[in-house]
Amino acid sequence: MQLHIFLQASPASEGVSFFLPMILVLFVFYFFMIRPQINKQKEEGQFQSNIKKGDRIVTNGGIHGKISGIKEEQVILEISNTTKITIDRDAISREKTALVSKKK
């Protein structure tokens, strides 16, 4: 005995209505998740390239200090009068000078 399965062709309008919610979800995902992250990365990159000697910063590890020297990809961070460390520019989280001026 043979079993035959017949498939019916679905109209084209069902295909569009099937993909529309997926496209809408991707659109919302892009504008609420991906785009803000890209903007944040641009701002951080711009901030890290515009730092200058004397700026007070906070590193990703929570170390507070003042920049006493700048190299290509690294900065020399003065933690106290006698303690200086070298860190990568990517490790700089935010500028403390701007945070203090905003609070006042």
C-alpha atoms as a PDB file:
ATOM      1  CA  MET A   1       0.000   0.000   0.000  1.00  0.00           C
ATOM      2  CA  GLN A   2       1.366   3.363  -0.925  1.00  0.00           C
ATOM      3  CA  LEU A   3       0.882   6.488   1.082  1.00  0.00           C
ATOM      4  CA  HIS A   4       0.714   9.748  -0.814  1.00  0.00           C
ATOM      5  CA  ILE A   5       1.058  13.098   0.848  1.00  0.00           C
ATOM      6  CA  PHE A   6      -0.181  16.113  -1.009  1.00  0.00           C
ATOM      7  CA  LEU A   7       1.103  19.517  -0.074  1.00  0.00           C
ATOM      8  CA  GLN A   8      -0.930  22.570  -0.733  1.00  0.00           C
ATOM      9  CA  ALA A   9       0.786  25.698  -1.922  1.00  0.00           C
ATOM     10  CA  SER A  10       0.316  28.543   0.513  1.00  0.00           C
ATOM     11  CA  PRO A  11      -0.590  31.971  -0.761  1.00  0.00           C
ATOM     12  CA  ALA A  12       2.156  34.596  -0.835  1.00  0.00           C
ATOM     13  CA  SER A  13       0.369  36.845   1.663  1.00  0.00           C
ATOM     14  CA  GLU A  14       0.843  34.312   4.468  1.00  0.00           C
ATOM     15  CA  GLY A  15       4.608  34.421   3.973  1.00  0.00           C
ATOM     16  CA  VAL A  16       4.714  38.184   4.427  1.00  0.00           C
ATOM     17  CA  SER A  17       2.511  38.075   7.502  1.00  0.00           C
ATOM     18  CA  PHE A  18       4.776  35.378   8.948  1.00  0.00           C
ATOM     19  CA  PHE A  19       7.972  37.411   8.516  1.00  0.00           C
ATOM     20  CA  LEU A  20       6.546  40.777   9.570  1.00  0.00           C
ATOM     21  CA  PRO A  21       6.662  40.093  13.352  1.00  0.00           C
ATOM     22  CA  MET A  22      10.227  38.767  13.038  1.00  0.00           C
ATOM     23  CA  ILE A  23      11.313  41.868  11.141  1.00  0.00           C
ATOM     24  CA  LEU A  24       9.622  44.059  13.739  1.00  0.00           C
ATOM     25  CA  VAL A  25      11.406  42.252  16.595  1.00  0.00           C
ATOM     26  CA  LEU A  26      14.779  42.660  14.858  1.00  0.00           C
ATOM     27  CA  PHE A  27      14.068  46.349  14.268  1.00  0.00           C
ATOM     28  CA  VAL A  28      13.199  46.918  17.945  1.00  0.00           C
ATOM     29  CA  PHE A  29      16.202  44.860  19.074  1.00  0.00           C
ATOM     30  CA  TYR A  30      18.540  46.973  16.938  1.00  0.00           C
ATOM     31  CA  PHE A  31      17.251  50.332  18.178  1.00  0.00           C
ATOM     32  CA  PHE A  32      17.012  49.411  21.863  1.00  0.00           C
ATOM     33  CA  MET A  33      20.051  47.133  22.268  1.00  0.00           C
ATOM     34  CA  ILE A  34      22.654  47.433  19.530  1.00  0.00           C
ATOM     35  CA  ARG A  35      22.533  51.113  18.588  1.00  0.00           C
ATOM     36  CA  PRO A  36      22.939  52.496  22.152  1.00  0.00           C
ATOM     37  CA  GLN A  37      25.895  50.159  22.700  1.00  0.00           C
ATOM     38  CA  ILE A  38      27.574  51.400  19.501  1.00  0.00           C
ATOM     39  CA  ASN A  39      27.049  55.025  20.583  1.00  0.00           C
ATOM     40  CA  LYS A  40      28.493  54.278  24.030  1.00  0.00           C
ATOM     41  CA  GLN A  41      31.585  52.668  22.479  1.00  0.00           C
ATOM     42  CA  LYS A  42      32.107  55.720  20.245  1.00  0.00           C
ATOM     43  CA  GLU A  43      31.872  58.076  23.232  1.00  0.00           C
ATOM     44  CA  GLU A  44      34.326  55.977  25.266  1.00  0.00           C
ATOM     45  CA  GLY A  45      36.781  55.822  22.373  1.00  0.00           C
ATOM     46  CA  GLN A  46      36.571  59.574  21.884  1.00  0.00           C
ATOM     47  CA  PHE A  47      37.050  60.183  25.619  1.00  0.00           C
ATOM     48  CA  GLN A  48      40.056  57.847  25.810  1.00  0.00           C
ATOM     49  CA  SER A  49      41.736  59.536  22.857  1.00  0.00           C
ATOM     50  CA  ASN A  50      41.133  63.056  24.250  1.00  0.00           C
ATOM     51  CA  ILE A  51      42.586  62.571  27.732  1.00  0.00           C
ATOM     52  CA  LYS A  52      45.401  64.889  28.712  1.00  0.00           C
ATOM     53  CA  LYS A  53      48.003  65.249  31.409  1.00  0.00           C
ATOM     54  CA  GLY A  54      46.484  66.343  34.718  1.00  0.00           C
ATOM     55  CA  ASP A  55      43.046  64.753  34.198  1.00  0.00           C
ATOM     56  CA  ARG A  56      41.670  62.832  37.151  1.00  0.00           C
ATOM     57  CA  ILE A  57      40.290  59.459  36.076  1.00  0.00           C
ATOM     58  CA  VAL A  58      38.869  56.191  37.369  1.00  0.00           C
ATOM     59  CA  THR A  59      40.015  52.880  35.883  1.00  0.00           C
ATOM     60  CA  ASN A  60      37.825  49.851  35.188  1.00  0.00           C
ATOM     61  CA  GLY A  61      39.315  48.267  38.315  1.00  0.00           C
ATOM     62  CA  GLY A  62      38.242  51.219  40.466  1.00  0.00           C
ATOM     63  CA  ILE A  63      41.654  52.859  40.871  1.00  0.00           C
ATOM     64  CA  HIS A  64      41.456  56.646  41.183  1.00  0.00           C
ATOM     65  CA  GLY A  65      44.346  58.797  40.082  1.00  0.00           C
ATOM     66  CA  LYS A  66      45.741  61.668  38.052  1.00  0.00           C
ATOM     67  CA  ILE A  67      47.381  61.246  34.651  1.00  0.00           C
ATOM     68  CA  SER A  68      51.037  62.254  34.876  1.00  0.00           C
ATOM     69  CA  GLY A  69      52.186  61.047  31.466  1.00  0.00           C
ATOM     70  CA  ILE A  70      50.794  59.822  28.154  1.00  0.00           C
ATOM     71  CA  LYS A  71      52.248  57.299  25.709  1.00  0.00           C
ATOM     72  CA  GLU A  72      50.666  55.928  22.519  1.00  0.00           C
ATOM     73  CA  GLU A  73      48.510  53.165  23.991  1.00  0.00           C
ATOM     74  CA  GLN A  74      49.307  53.639  27.671  1.00  0.00           C
ATOM     75  CA  VAL A  75      49.093  56.322  30.325  1.00  0.00           C
ATOM     76  CA  ILE A  76      51.072  56.815  33.512  1.00  0.00           C
ATOM     77  CA  LEU A  77      48.670  57.160  36.414  1.00  0.00           C
ATOM     78  CA  GLU A  78      49.745  58.865  39.637  1.00  0.00           C
ATOM     79  CA  ILE A  79      47.893  57.254  42.519  1.00  0.00           C
ATOM     80  CA  SER A  80      49.706  59.092  45.320  1.00  0.00           C
ATOM     81  CA  ASN A  81      52.712  61.409  45.540  1.00  0.00           C
ATOM     82  CA  THR A  82      55.198  58.541  45.264  1.00  0.00           C
ATOM     83  CA  THR A  83      53.200  55.857  43.447  1.00  0.00           C
ATOM     84  CA  LYS A  84      52.830  55.760  39.681  1.00  0.00           C
ATOM     85  CA  ILE A  85      51.507  52.914  37.555  1.00  0.00           C
ATOM     86  CA  THR A  86      51.282  52.369  33.812  1.00  0.00           C
ATOM     87  CA  ILE A  87      47.893  51.317  32.453  1.00  0.00           C
ATOM     88  CA  ASP A  88      46.382  50.834  29.009  1.00  0.00           C
ATOM     89  CA  ARG A  89      44.103  53.545  27.660  1.00  0.00           C
ATOM     90  CA  ASP A  90      41.363  50.915  27.333  1.00  0.00           C
ATOM     91  CA  ALA A  91      41.378  50.460  31.128  1.00  0.00           C
ATOM     92  CA  ILE A  92      40.202  54.038  31.713  1.00  0.00           C
ATOM     93  CA  SER A  93      36.556  54.001  32.697  1.00  0.00           C
ATOM     94  CA  ARG A  94      35.579  57.624  33.221  1.00  0.00           C
ATOM     95  CA  GLU A  95      36.894  61.056  34.021  1.00  0.00           C
ATOM     96  CA  LYS A  96      36.584  62.009  37.648  1.00  0.00           C
ATOM     97  CA  THR A  97      37.127  65.728  36.993  1.00  0.00           C
ATOM     98  CA  ALA A  98      33.906  65.902  34.969  1.00  0.00           C
ATOM     99  CA  LEU A  99      31.996  63.922  37.607  1.00  0.00           C
ATOM    100  CA  VAL A 100      33.055  66.289  40.395  1.00  0.00           C
ATOM    101  CA  SER A 101      32.084  69.387  38.395  1.00  0.00           C
ATOM    102  CA  LYS A 102      28.644  67.904  37.575  1.00  0.00           C
ATOM    103  CA  LYS A 103      27.870  67.283  41.270  1.00  0.00           C
ATOM    104  CA  LYS A 104      28.531  70.909  42.258  1.00  0.00           C
END
